[in-house]
Amino acid sequence: MTSPDDPAARGEIREKLALLRRVEAEHGFGVVIGEPAPLEPIPDLPGVAETYSLFDRVEGDNFRFAQPAAIRSPAAWAARPVDPDDPMGSPLPIGHEVHSVPPGLRGEITGGAPIYLDVEDLDVYWMEPDDYVFQYEHPDSDVEFTVIAPGLATFFNEHVFGPGYPELVATVLGPGVRDRRIRTGRHAGEYADSWRRLLVAAGLAS
């Protein structure tokens, strides 16, 4: 069973980031691949700060993943606001979809709906915003959410920088967005998603 604190996965992420930076420099897909930004480990979240130390931000057409302010130090984590009425236990947003945000506003808005890290078992999961609101209003109802990965390192290694990325898009944004292709111009027939084009060019996804 994969541990949430997975040094091997972090090593693979480091290698993939180096590859992706080279491919982006060659092709210019227009994605953002931030530089390493070391964070102090947080005992309550093994592997989380260590994983986010490998980059401060990555972003394509559909998602933005930036170092959460709450994990920038153990003190920041201890001081984070916790909602005792949150039916999901005040999970940590580890990224956001930006597909719903107009490109001209992405510099002003953090993003659309978040992808969460469960702060108890460290699973990364997706929950529709309407379902989250429903849980607040009906805390005794069954919870509907999709676990994407058993830990942050596995999530990034397999679903952001690896072959699971298309399924991440389908889970969060739907198969129509996952499969959308450019219709005209010199890139006609290629995927419309800049991050997926980068992964395909790097040989990390199809």
N, C-alpha and C. Protein backbone atom coordinates (compact mmCIF):
# COMPACT_ATOMS: atom_id res chain seq x y z
N MET A 1 0.84 -1.21 0.00
CA MET A 1 0.00 0.00 0.00
C MET A 1 0.87 1.25 0.00
N THR A 2 0.53 2.24 -0.83
CA THR A 2 1.30 3.47 -0.93
C THR A 2 1.12 4.31 0.33
N SER A 3 2.24 4.80 0.87
CA SER A 3 2.18 5.68 2.03
C SER A 3 1.93 7.11 1.57
N PRO A 4 1.14 7.89 2.35
CA PRO A 4 0.95 9.30 1.98
C PRO A 4 2.28 10.06 1.88
N ASP A 5 3.25 9.67 2.74
CA ASP A 5 4.59 10.26 2.67
C ASP A 5 5.44 9.34 1.81
N ASP A 6 5.56 9.63 0.53
CA ASP A 6 6.16 8.72 -0.44
C ASP A 6 7.41 9.36 -1.05
N PRO A 7 8.60 9.14 -0.44
CA PRO A 7 9.82 9.74 -0.98
C PRO A 7 10.11 9.32 -2.42
N ALA A 8 9.77 8.07 -2.77
CA ALA A 8 10.03 7.61 -4.14
C ALA A 8 9.21 8.41 -5.14
N ALA A 9 7.94 8.66 -4.80
CA ALA A 9 7.10 9.47 -5.69
C ALA A 9 7.64 10.88 -5.82
N ARG A 10 8.14 11.44 -4.72
CA ARG A 10 8.71 12.79 -4.79
C ARG A 10 9.94 12.81 -5.69
N GLY A 11 10.74 11.76 -5.64
CA GLY A 11 11.89 11.68 -6.53
C GLY A 11 11.47 11.65 -7.99
N GLU A 12 10.41 10.92 -8.28
CA GLU A 12 9.90 10.89 -9.66
C GLU A 12 9.34 12.24 -10.07
N ILE A 13 8.67 12.91 -9.15
CA ILE A 13 8.15 14.25 -9.45
C ILE A 13 9.30 15.19 -9.81
N ARG A 14 10.37 15.13 -9.05
CA ARG A 14 11.52 16.00 -9.30
C ARG A 14 12.06 15.79 -10.73
N GLU A 15 12.17 14.53 -11.13
CA GLU A 15 12.65 14.22 -12.48
C GLU A 15 11.66 14.69 -13.54
N LYS A 16 10.38 14.49 -13.29
CA LYS A 16 9.36 14.91 -14.26
C LYS A 16 9.33 16.43 -14.41
N LEU A 17 9.50 17.15 -13.32
CA LEU A 17 9.50 18.61 -13.41
C LEU A 17 10.65 19.10 -14.28
N ALA A 18 11.82 18.49 -14.12
CA ALA A 18 12.96 18.87 -14.95
C ALA A 18 12.66 18.61 -16.43
N LEU A 19 12.06 17.45 -16.71
CA LEU A 19 11.69 17.12 -18.09
C LEU A 19 10.65 18.10 -18.62
N LEU A 20 9.62 18.38 -17.83
CA LEU A 20 8.55 19.26 -18.29
C LEU A 20 9.05 20.68 -18.54
N ARG A 21 9.98 21.14 -17.72
CA ARG A 21 10.55 22.48 -17.96
C ARG A 21 11.28 22.52 -19.30
N ARG A 22 12.02 21.46 -19.61
CA ARG A 22 12.74 21.42 -20.88
C ARG A 22 11.75 21.39 -22.06
N VAL A 23 10.71 20.57 -21.95
CA VAL A 23 9.74 20.45 -23.04
C VAL A 23 8.96 21.76 -23.21
N GLU A 24 8.60 22.39 -22.11
CA GLU A 24 7.89 23.67 -22.19
C GLU A 24 8.78 24.73 -22.83
N ALA A 25 10.07 24.75 -22.48
CA ALA A 25 10.98 25.72 -23.07
C ALA A 25 11.11 25.50 -24.58
N GLU A 26 11.02 24.25 -25.01
CA GLU A 26 11.15 23.93 -26.43
C GLU A 26 9.88 24.25 -27.22
N HIS A 27 8.72 23.94 -26.64
CA HIS A 27 7.47 24.04 -27.39
C HIS A 27 6.65 25.30 -27.07
N GLY A 28 6.78 25.83 -25.86
CA GLY A 28 6.04 27.03 -25.50
C GLY A 28 4.53 26.84 -25.46
N PHE A 29 4.07 25.87 -24.69
CA PHE A 29 2.63 25.62 -24.59
C PHE A 29 1.92 26.71 -23.77
N GLY A 30 2.67 27.47 -23.00
CA GLY A 30 2.07 28.54 -22.21
C GLY A 30 1.66 28.15 -20.81
N VAL A 31 2.20 27.04 -20.31
CA VAL A 31 1.89 26.62 -18.95
C VAL A 31 2.85 27.28 -17.97
N VAL A 32 2.53 27.18 -16.69
CA VAL A 32 3.40 27.68 -15.62
C VAL A 32 3.96 26.50 -14.86
N ILE A 33 5.29 26.45 -14.73
CA ILE A 33 5.96 25.42 -13.93
C ILE A 33 6.91 26.16 -12.99
N GLY A 34 6.49 26.34 -11.75
CA GLY A 34 7.27 27.11 -10.80
C GLY A 34 8.53 26.41 -10.34
N GLU A 35 9.37 27.18 -9.69
CA GLU A 35 10.65 26.67 -9.20
C GLU A 35 10.49 26.06 -7.81
N PRO A 36 11.47 25.26 -7.37
CA PRO A 36 11.43 24.74 -5.99
C PRO A 36 11.37 25.88 -4.98
N ALA A 37 10.61 25.68 -3.92
CA ALA A 37 10.46 26.67 -2.86
C ALA A 37 10.35 25.91 -1.54
N PRO A 38 11.49 25.61 -0.91
CA PRO A 38 11.49 24.72 0.27
C PRO A 38 10.57 25.20 1.39
N LEU A 39 9.85 24.23 1.95
CA LEU A 39 8.97 24.47 3.09
C LEU A 39 9.40 23.59 4.25
N GLU A 40 9.15 24.07 5.45
CA GLU A 40 9.46 23.28 6.64
C GLU A 40 8.42 22.17 6.81
N PRO A 41 8.86 20.94 7.05
CA PRO A 41 7.89 19.84 7.22
C PRO A 41 6.91 20.12 8.35
N ILE A 42 5.69 19.62 8.18
CA ILE A 42 4.64 19.76 9.19
C ILE A 42 4.32 18.37 9.72
N PRO A 43 4.60 18.11 10.99
CA PRO A 43 4.43 16.75 11.53
C PRO A 43 3.03 16.17 11.32
N ASP A 44 2.00 17.00 11.38
CA ASP A 44 0.63 16.50 11.21
C ASP A 44 0.31 16.10 9.77
N LEU A 45 1.15 16.54 8.83
CA LEU A 45 0.89 16.30 7.40
C LEU A 45 2.13 15.70 6.74
N PRO A 46 2.49 14.48 7.08
CA PRO A 46 3.72 13.91 6.53
C PRO A 46 3.72 13.88 5.00
N GLY A 47 4.77 14.44 4.43
CA GLY A 47 4.95 14.43 2.99
C GLY A 47 4.30 15.58 2.25
N VAL A 48 3.46 16.36 2.90
CA VAL A 48 2.72 17.41 2.19
C VAL A 48 3.62 18.61 1.89
N ALA A 49 4.22 19.20 2.92
CA ALA A 49 5.13 20.32 2.68
C ALA A 49 6.32 19.88 1.84
N GLU A 50 6.78 18.64 2.06
CA GLU A 50 7.92 18.12 1.31
C GLU A 50 7.59 18.06 -0.19
N THR A 51 6.37 17.66 -0.51
CA THR A 51 5.96 17.59 -1.92
C THR A 51 5.83 18.98 -2.52
N TYR A 52 5.19 19.87 -1.79
CA TYR A 52 5.01 21.22 -2.32
C TYR A 52 6.30 22.03 -2.31
N SER A 53 7.35 21.52 -1.67
CA SER A 53 8.66 22.18 -1.74
C SER A 53 9.29 22.03 -3.12
N LEU A 54 8.82 21.07 -3.91
CA LEU A 54 9.41 20.80 -5.22
C LEU A 54 9.05 21.86 -6.25
N PHE A 55 7.99 22.62 -6.01
CA PHE A 55 7.55 23.68 -6.92
C PHE A 55 6.61 24.59 -6.14
N ASP A 56 6.59 25.86 -6.50
CA ASP A 56 5.68 26.77 -5.80
C ASP A 56 4.33 26.89 -6.50
N ARG A 57 4.31 26.52 -7.80
CA ARG A 57 3.06 26.64 -8.55
C ARG A 57 3.18 25.91 -9.88
N VAL A 58 2.11 25.25 -10.28
CA VAL A 58 1.99 24.76 -11.65
C VAL A 58 0.58 25.10 -12.13
N GLU A 59 0.48 25.44 -13.41
CA GLU A 59 -0.82 25.85 -13.93
C GLU A 59 -0.90 25.64 -15.43
N GLY A 60 -2.04 25.12 -15.87
CA GLY A 60 -2.35 25.01 -17.28
C GLY A 60 -3.72 25.60 -17.54
N ASP A 61 -4.38 25.14 -18.59
CA ASP A 61 -5.68 25.69 -18.93
C ASP A 61 -6.78 25.31 -17.94
N ASN A 62 -6.61 24.16 -17.27
CA ASN A 62 -7.71 23.63 -16.46
C ASN A 62 -7.50 23.69 -14.95
N PHE A 63 -6.24 23.71 -14.50
CA PHE A 63 -5.98 23.65 -13.06
C PHE A 63 -4.86 24.59 -12.66
N ARG A 64 -4.92 25.02 -11.41
CA ARG A 64 -3.83 25.77 -10.79
C ARG A 64 -3.54 25.11 -9.44
N PHE A 65 -2.28 24.74 -9.24
CA PHE A 65 -1.83 24.20 -7.96
C PHE A 65 -0.71 25.09 -7.44
N ALA A 66 -0.97 25.79 -6.34
CA ALA A 66 0.02 26.68 -5.74
C ALA A 66 0.16 26.33 -4.26
N GLN A 67 1.35 26.57 -3.72
CA GLN A 67 1.58 26.26 -2.32
C GLN A 67 0.50 26.90 -1.45
N PRO A 68 -0.28 26.12 -0.72
CA PRO A 68 -1.29 26.71 0.16
C PRO A 68 -0.64 27.52 1.28
N ALA A 69 -1.19 28.67 1.58
CA ALA A 69 -0.64 29.51 2.64
C ALA A 69 -0.61 28.78 3.97
N ALA A 70 -1.55 27.88 4.20
CA ALA A 70 -1.65 27.19 5.49
C ALA A 70 -0.51 26.22 5.76
N ILE A 71 0.28 25.86 4.73
CA ILE A 71 1.38 24.91 4.97
C ILE A 71 2.75 25.56 4.82
N ARG A 72 2.80 26.87 4.80
CA ARG A 72 4.09 27.53 4.59
C ARG A 72 4.99 27.48 5.82
N SER A 73 4.43 27.07 6.95
CA SER A 73 5.22 26.84 8.16
C SER A 73 4.36 26.07 9.14
N PRO A 74 4.97 25.38 10.11
CA PRO A 74 4.16 24.74 11.15
C PRO A 74 3.29 25.74 11.90
N ALA A 75 3.80 26.96 12.09
CA ALA A 75 3.01 27.99 12.78
C ALA A 75 1.79 28.37 11.96
N ALA A 76 1.96 28.49 10.65
CA ALA A 76 0.82 28.80 9.79
C ALA A 76 -0.22 27.69 9.84
N TRP A 77 0.25 26.44 9.90
CA TRP A 77 -0.69 25.33 9.97
C TRP A 77 -1.45 25.35 11.30
N ALA A 78 -0.74 25.62 12.38
CA ALA A 78 -1.39 25.66 13.69
C ALA A 78 -2.40 26.79 13.79
N ALA A 79 -2.16 27.87 13.04
CA ALA A 79 -3.03 29.05 13.13
C ALA A 79 -4.15 29.04 12.09
N ARG A 80 -4.20 28.03 11.25
CA ARG A 80 -5.21 28.03 10.18
C ARG A 80 -6.61 28.00 10.78
N PRO A 81 -7.57 28.62 10.14
CA PRO A 81 -8.95 28.57 10.64
C PRO A 81 -9.54 27.18 10.46
N VAL A 82 -10.18 26.69 11.50
CA VAL A 82 -10.84 25.38 11.47
C VAL A 82 -12.31 25.59 11.80
N ASP A 83 -13.17 25.11 10.92
CA ASP A 83 -14.61 25.26 11.11
C ASP A 83 -15.14 24.01 11.82
N PRO A 84 -15.56 24.13 13.08
CA PRO A 84 -16.05 22.95 13.79
C PRO A 84 -17.32 22.36 13.19
N ASP A 85 -18.01 23.13 12.36
CA ASP A 85 -19.24 22.64 11.74
C ASP A 85 -19.03 22.08 10.34
N ASP A 86 -17.78 22.08 9.89
CA ASP A 86 -17.50 21.57 8.54
C ASP A 86 -17.72 20.07 8.52
N PRO A 87 -18.66 19.56 7.73
CA PRO A 87 -18.94 18.12 7.73
C PRO A 87 -17.79 17.29 7.18
N MET A 88 -16.86 17.92 6.47
CA MET A 88 -15.71 17.20 5.92
C MET A 88 -14.45 17.40 6.75
N GLY A 89 -14.58 18.07 7.89
CA GLY A 89 -13.44 18.19 8.78
C GLY A 89 -12.42 19.24 8.39
N SER A 90 -12.85 20.33 7.78
CA SER A 90 -11.96 21.42 7.35
C SER A 90 -10.78 20.91 6.53
N PRO A 91 -11.03 20.31 5.37
CA PRO A 91 -9.94 19.81 4.53
C PRO A 91 -9.10 20.95 3.97
N LEU A 92 -7.93 20.60 3.48
CA LEU A 92 -7.00 21.59 2.92
C LEU A 92 -7.17 21.66 1.40
N PRO A 93 -7.56 22.81 0.85
CA PRO A 93 -7.57 22.94 -0.61
C PRO A 93 -6.13 22.92 -1.13
N ILE A 94 -5.83 21.98 -2.03
CA ILE A 94 -4.46 21.87 -2.54
C ILE A 94 -4.36 22.35 -3.99
N GLY A 95 -5.46 22.79 -4.55
CA GLY A 95 -5.47 23.31 -5.91
C GLY A 95 -6.89 23.63 -6.32
N HIS A 96 -7.04 24.26 -7.47
CA HIS A 96 -8.36 24.66 -7.95
C HIS A 96 -8.46 24.44 -9.45
N GLU A 97 -9.67 24.14 -9.89
CA GLU A 97 -9.89 24.18 -11.33
C GLU A 97 -9.98 25.64 -11.74
N VAL A 98 -9.44 25.95 -12.91
CA VAL A 98 -9.53 27.32 -13.42
C VAL A 98 -10.26 27.36 -14.77
N HIS A 99 -10.75 26.21 -15.18
CA HIS A 99 -11.48 26.14 -16.46
C HIS A 99 -12.68 27.08 -16.45
N SER A 100 -13.31 27.24 -15.29
CA SER A 100 -14.51 28.09 -15.19
C SER A 100 -14.18 29.57 -15.05
N VAL A 101 -12.90 29.91 -14.92
CA VAL A 101 -12.49 31.30 -14.73
C VAL A 101 -12.03 31.88 -16.07
N PRO A 102 -12.60 32.99 -16.52
CA PRO A 102 -12.14 33.59 -17.77
C PRO A 102 -10.65 33.89 -17.72
N PRO A 103 -9.91 33.61 -18.79
CA PRO A 103 -8.45 33.82 -18.77
C PRO A 103 -8.04 35.21 -18.30
N GLY A 104 -8.81 36.23 -18.65
CA GLY A 104 -8.45 37.58 -18.25
C GLY A 104 -8.59 37.86 -16.77
N LEU A 105 -9.27 36.97 -16.04
CA LEU A 105 -9.48 37.17 -14.60
C LEU A 105 -8.63 36.24 -13.75
N ARG A 106 -7.85 35.38 -14.37
CA ARG A 106 -7.12 34.38 -13.59
C ARG A 106 -6.02 34.97 -12.72
N GLY A 107 -5.58 36.19 -13.05
CA GLY A 107 -4.61 36.85 -12.19
C GLY A 107 -5.23 37.45 -10.95
N GLU A 108 -6.56 37.56 -10.94
CA GLU A 108 -7.25 38.18 -9.82
C GLU A 108 -8.01 37.18 -8.95
N ILE A 109 -8.28 36.00 -9.50
CA ILE A 109 -9.11 35.00 -8.81
C ILE A 109 -8.28 33.75 -8.55
N THR A 110 -8.35 33.24 -7.32
CA THR A 110 -7.59 32.03 -6.98
C THR A 110 -7.95 30.87 -7.88
N GLY A 111 -9.22 30.72 -8.16
CA GLY A 111 -9.67 29.63 -9.01
C GLY A 111 -11.12 29.34 -8.76
N GLY A 112 -11.60 28.29 -9.42
CA GLY A 112 -12.97 27.85 -9.22
C GLY A 112 -13.04 26.86 -8.06
N ALA A 113 -13.66 25.73 -8.29
CA ALA A 113 -13.85 24.74 -7.23
C ALA A 113 -12.53 24.10 -6.83
N PRO A 114 -12.33 23.84 -5.54
CA PRO A 114 -11.07 23.28 -5.07
C PRO A 114 -11.02 21.76 -5.13
N ILE A 115 -9.80 21.24 -5.17
CA ILE A 115 -9.49 19.84 -4.92
C ILE A 115 -8.93 19.79 -3.50
N TYR A 116 -9.34 18.79 -2.72
CA TYR A 116 -9.05 18.79 -1.29
C TYR A 116 -8.09 17.69 -0.87
N LEU A 117 -7.40 17.97 0.24
CA LEU A 117 -6.64 16.96 0.98
C LEU A 117 -7.32 16.74 2.31
N ASP A 118 -7.70 15.50 2.59
CA ASP A 118 -8.25 15.15 3.90
C ASP A 118 -7.11 15.23 4.92
N VAL A 119 -7.26 16.06 5.94
CA VAL A 119 -6.16 16.30 6.87
C VAL A 119 -6.00 15.18 7.89
N GLU A 120 -6.90 14.21 7.88
CA GLU A 120 -6.77 13.07 8.78
C GLU A 120 -6.08 11.89 8.09
N ASP A 121 -6.63 11.42 6.97
CA ASP A 121 -6.03 10.26 6.30
C ASP A 121 -5.16 10.63 5.11
N LEU A 122 -5.11 11.94 4.77
CA LEU A 122 -4.24 12.49 3.73
C LEU A 122 -4.62 12.06 2.31
N ASP A 123 -5.83 11.53 2.13
CA ASP A 123 -6.33 11.27 0.78
C ASP A 123 -6.58 12.59 0.06
N VAL A 124 -6.33 12.59 -1.24
CA VAL A 124 -6.72 13.72 -2.09
C VAL A 124 -8.06 13.35 -2.74
N TYR A 125 -9.03 14.26 -2.64
CA TYR A 125 -10.34 13.92 -3.17
C TYR A 125 -11.01 15.12 -3.84
N TRP A 126 -12.01 14.80 -4.64
CA TRP A 126 -12.83 15.81 -5.32
C TRP A 126 -14.26 15.68 -4.83
N MET A 127 -14.86 16.83 -4.57
CA MET A 127 -16.26 16.86 -4.15
C MET A 127 -16.94 18.02 -4.87
N GLU A 128 -18.04 17.73 -5.52
CA GLU A 128 -18.78 18.79 -6.20
C GLU A 128 -19.17 19.88 -5.19
N PRO A 129 -18.99 21.15 -5.55
CA PRO A 129 -19.34 22.23 -4.61
C PRO A 129 -20.77 22.14 -4.09
N ASP A 130 -21.72 21.79 -4.94
CA ASP A 130 -23.11 21.67 -4.48
C ASP A 130 -23.26 20.55 -3.45
N ASP A 131 -22.48 19.48 -3.61
CA ASP A 131 -22.53 18.38 -2.64
C ASP A 131 -21.95 18.82 -1.30
N TYR A 132 -20.92 19.68 -1.36
CA TYR A 132 -20.33 20.19 -0.12
C TYR A 132 -21.37 21.02 0.64
N VAL A 133 -22.05 21.89 -0.08
CA VAL A 133 -23.09 22.71 0.56
C VAL A 133 -24.18 21.82 1.12
N PHE A 134 -24.56 20.79 0.38
CA PHE A 134 -25.60 19.87 0.84
C PHE A 134 -25.18 19.20 2.14
N GLN A 135 -23.89 18.86 2.27
CA GLN A 135 -23.41 18.22 3.50
C GLN A 135 -23.55 19.15 4.70
N TYR A 136 -23.29 20.43 4.49
CA TYR A 136 -23.49 21.40 5.57
C TYR A 136 -24.95 21.41 6.04
N GLU A 137 -25.83 21.34 5.07
CA GLU A 137 -27.26 21.43 5.39
C GLU A 137 -27.84 20.11 5.88
N HIS A 138 -27.21 19.00 5.49
CA HIS A 138 -27.70 17.66 5.86
C HIS A 138 -26.51 16.81 6.32
N PRO A 139 -25.94 17.13 7.48
CA PRO A 139 -24.71 16.46 7.93
C PRO A 139 -24.86 14.96 8.16
N ASP A 140 -26.06 14.46 8.30
CA ASP A 140 -26.26 13.02 8.53
C ASP A 140 -26.46 12.24 7.24
N SER A 141 -26.45 12.93 6.12
CA SER A 141 -26.64 12.26 4.83
C SER A 141 -25.34 11.61 4.37
N ASP A 142 -25.47 10.67 3.44
CA ASP A 142 -24.28 10.03 2.87
C ASP A 142 -23.45 11.07 2.13
N VAL A 143 -22.13 10.94 2.27
CA VAL A 143 -21.21 11.86 1.63
C VAL A 143 -20.85 11.34 0.24
N GLU A 144 -20.94 12.20 -0.75
CA GLU A 144 -20.57 11.82 -2.11
C GLU A 144 -19.31 12.58 -2.51
N PHE A 145 -18.23 11.83 -2.68
CA PHE A 145 -16.97 12.42 -3.13
C PHE A 145 -16.15 11.34 -3.82
N THR A 146 -15.11 11.74 -4.53
CA THR A 146 -14.27 10.82 -5.28
C THR A 146 -12.84 10.93 -4.78
N VAL A 147 -12.32 9.85 -4.19
CA VAL A 147 -10.91 9.82 -3.80
C VAL A 147 -10.07 9.65 -5.05
N ILE A 148 -9.13 10.56 -5.25
CA ILE A 148 -8.29 10.54 -6.44
C ILE A 148 -6.97 9.83 -6.18
N ALA A 149 -6.40 10.05 -4.98
CA ALA A 149 -5.09 9.45 -4.69
C ALA A 149 -4.88 9.36 -3.19
N PRO A 150 -4.11 8.35 -2.74
CA PRO A 150 -3.83 8.18 -1.31
C PRO A 150 -2.60 8.97 -0.88
N GLY A 151 -2.66 10.27 -1.00
CA GLY A 151 -1.53 11.10 -0.60
C GLY A 151 -1.18 12.12 -1.67
N LEU A 152 -0.58 13.23 -1.24
CA LEU A 152 -0.30 14.33 -2.16
C LEU A 152 0.77 13.98 -3.18
N ALA A 153 1.83 13.29 -2.75
CA ALA A 153 2.90 12.94 -3.69
C ALA A 153 2.37 12.04 -4.80
N THR A 154 1.57 11.04 -4.44
CA THR A 154 0.99 10.16 -5.45
C THR A 154 0.06 10.93 -6.37
N PHE A 155 -0.71 11.85 -5.80
CA PHE A 155 -1.62 12.66 -6.61
C PHE A 155 -0.85 13.42 -7.70
N PHE A 156 0.19 14.14 -7.29
CA PHE A 156 0.93 14.91 -8.28
C PHE A 156 1.68 14.01 -9.25
N ASN A 157 2.31 12.97 -8.74
CA ASN A 157 3.11 12.10 -9.59
C ASN A 157 2.27 11.42 -10.67
N GLU A 158 1.08 10.95 -10.28
CA GLU A 158 0.28 10.16 -11.21
C GLU A 158 -0.81 10.95 -11.92
N HIS A 159 -1.36 11.97 -11.26
CA HIS A 159 -2.56 12.62 -11.80
C HIS A 159 -2.33 14.05 -12.30
N VAL A 160 -1.21 14.65 -11.97
CA VAL A 160 -0.89 15.96 -12.51
C VAL A 160 0.29 15.87 -13.48
N PHE A 161 1.29 15.08 -13.10
CA PHE A 161 2.49 14.92 -13.93
C PHE A 161 2.56 13.54 -14.59
N GLY A 162 1.46 12.82 -14.65
CA GLY A 162 1.52 11.46 -15.16
C GLY A 162 0.30 11.03 -15.93
N PRO A 163 0.17 9.74 -16.18
CA PRO A 163 -0.87 9.22 -17.08
C PRO A 163 -2.29 9.36 -16.55
N GLY A 164 -2.46 9.65 -15.25
CA GLY A 164 -3.79 9.83 -14.71
C GLY A 164 -4.38 11.20 -14.93
N TYR A 165 -3.62 12.10 -15.58
CA TYR A 165 -4.12 13.46 -15.76
C TYR A 165 -5.44 13.53 -16.54
N PRO A 166 -5.57 12.83 -17.67
CA PRO A 166 -6.85 12.91 -18.39
C PRO A 166 -8.05 12.50 -17.53
N GLU A 167 -7.85 11.49 -16.67
CA GLU A 167 -8.96 11.07 -15.82
C GLU A 167 -9.26 12.11 -14.74
N LEU A 168 -8.23 12.83 -14.27
CA LEU A 168 -8.46 13.93 -13.33
C LEU A 168 -9.35 14.99 -13.98
N VAL A 169 -9.05 15.33 -15.22
CA VAL A 169 -9.87 16.31 -15.94
C VAL A 169 -11.31 15.81 -16.06
N ALA A 170 -11.47 14.54 -16.42
CA ALA A 170 -12.81 13.99 -16.57
C ALA A 170 -13.57 13.98 -15.25
N THR A 171 -12.89 13.66 -14.16
CA THR A 171 -13.53 13.61 -12.85
C THR A 171 -14.02 14.98 -12.41
N VAL A 172 -13.19 15.99 -12.58
CA VAL A 172 -13.49 17.33 -12.08
C VAL A 172 -14.33 18.14 -13.07
N LEU A 173 -14.00 18.05 -14.34
CA LEU A 173 -14.60 18.93 -15.35
C LEU A 173 -15.47 18.22 -16.37
N GLY A 174 -15.39 16.89 -16.41
CA GLY A 174 -16.22 16.13 -17.32
C GLY A 174 -15.46 15.63 -18.54
N PRO A 175 -15.93 14.53 -19.13
CA PRO A 175 -15.24 13.95 -20.29
C PRO A 175 -15.22 14.86 -21.51
N GLY A 176 -16.19 15.76 -21.61
CA GLY A 176 -16.19 16.68 -22.75
C GLY A 176 -14.98 17.59 -22.74
N VAL A 177 -14.62 18.10 -21.56
CA VAL A 177 -13.43 18.94 -21.44
C VAL A 177 -12.18 18.11 -21.65
N ARG A 178 -12.16 16.91 -21.10
CA ARG A 178 -11.00 16.03 -21.26
C ARG A 178 -10.68 15.78 -22.74
N ASP A 179 -11.69 15.56 -23.54
CA ASP A 179 -11.50 15.13 -24.92
C ASP A 179 -11.51 16.27 -25.94
N ARG A 180 -11.69 17.49 -25.48
CA ARG A 180 -11.82 18.62 -26.41
C ARG A 180 -10.52 18.83 -27.20
N ARG A 181 -10.67 19.07 -28.49
CA ARG A 181 -9.51 19.28 -29.36
C ARG A 181 -9.65 20.60 -30.12
N ILE A 182 -8.51 21.11 -30.56
CA ILE A 182 -8.47 22.34 -31.35
C ILE A 182 -9.03 22.03 -32.75
N ARG A 183 -9.92 22.87 -33.24
CA ARG A 183 -10.61 22.58 -34.50
C ARG A 183 -9.95 23.20 -35.73
N THR A 184 -9.28 24.32 -35.56
CA THR A 184 -8.72 25.00 -36.73
C THR A 184 -7.29 25.44 -36.46
N GLY A 185 -6.62 25.89 -37.50
CA GLY A 185 -5.27 26.40 -37.36
C GLY A 185 -4.21 25.32 -37.44
N ARG A 186 -2.98 25.72 -37.22
CA ARG A 186 -1.88 24.78 -37.39
C ARG A 186 -1.83 23.70 -36.31
N HIS A 187 -2.56 23.91 -35.20
CA HIS A 187 -2.62 22.89 -34.15
C HIS A 187 -3.93 22.12 -34.17
N ALA A 188 -4.66 22.20 -35.26
CA ALA A 188 -5.94 21.50 -35.37
C ALA A 188 -5.76 20.01 -35.11
N GLY A 189 -6.66 19.47 -34.30
CA GLY A 189 -6.61 18.05 -33.95
C GLY A 189 -5.89 17.76 -32.66
N GLU A 190 -5.08 18.72 -32.17
CA GLU A 190 -4.40 18.53 -30.89
C GLU A 190 -5.37 18.84 -29.75
N TYR A 191 -5.03 18.33 -28.56
CA TYR A 191 -5.87 18.61 -27.40
C TYR A 191 -5.90 20.11 -27.11
N ALA A 192 -7.05 20.61 -26.72
CA ALA A 192 -7.18 22.03 -26.40
C ALA A 192 -6.49 22.40 -25.10
N ASP A 193 -6.32 21.43 -24.22
CA ASP A 193 -5.74 21.63 -22.90
C ASP A 193 -4.21 21.73 -23.01
N SER A 194 -3.67 22.89 -22.68
CA SER A 194 -2.22 23.11 -22.80
C SER A 194 -1.42 22.15 -21.93
N TRP A 195 -1.93 21.85 -20.73
CA TRP A 195 -1.18 20.95 -19.84
C TRP A 195 -1.14 19.54 -20.40
N ARG A 196 -2.23 19.09 -20.99
CA ARG A 196 -2.23 17.75 -21.58
C ARG A 196 -1.30 17.70 -22.79
N ARG A 197 -1.27 18.75 -23.59
CA ARG A 197 -0.34 18.78 -24.72
C ARG A 197 1.10 18.69 -24.24
N LEU A 198 1.40 19.37 -23.14
CA LEU A 198 2.75 19.29 -22.56
C LEU A 198 3.07 17.87 -22.14
N LEU A 199 2.15 17.23 -21.42
CA LEU A 199 2.39 15.86 -20.95
C LEU A 199 2.56 14.90 -22.12
N VAL A 200 1.76 15.07 -23.16
CA VAL A 200 1.88 14.20 -24.34
C VAL A 200 3.24 14.40 -25.00
N ALA A 201 3.65 15.65 -25.16
CA ALA A 201 4.95 15.93 -25.79
C ALA A 201 6.11 15.37 -24.98
N ALA A 202 5.93 15.32 -23.65
CA ALA A 202 6.98 14.79 -22.77
C ALA A 202 6.92 13.28 -22.64
N GLY A 203 5.89 12.65 -23.21
CA GLY A 203 5.75 11.20 -23.11
C GLY A 203 5.24 10.73 -21.76
N LEU A 204 4.58 11.62 -21.02
CA LEU A 204 4.11 11.28 -19.67
C LEU A 204 2.63 10.93 -19.62
N ALA A 205 1.89 11.23 -20.67
CA ALA A 205 0.46 10.92 -20.73
C ALA A 205 0.06 10.81 -22.19
N SER A 206 -1.14 10.31 -22.40
CA SER A 206 -1.63 10.16 -23.78
C SER A 206 -2.91 10.96 -23.97
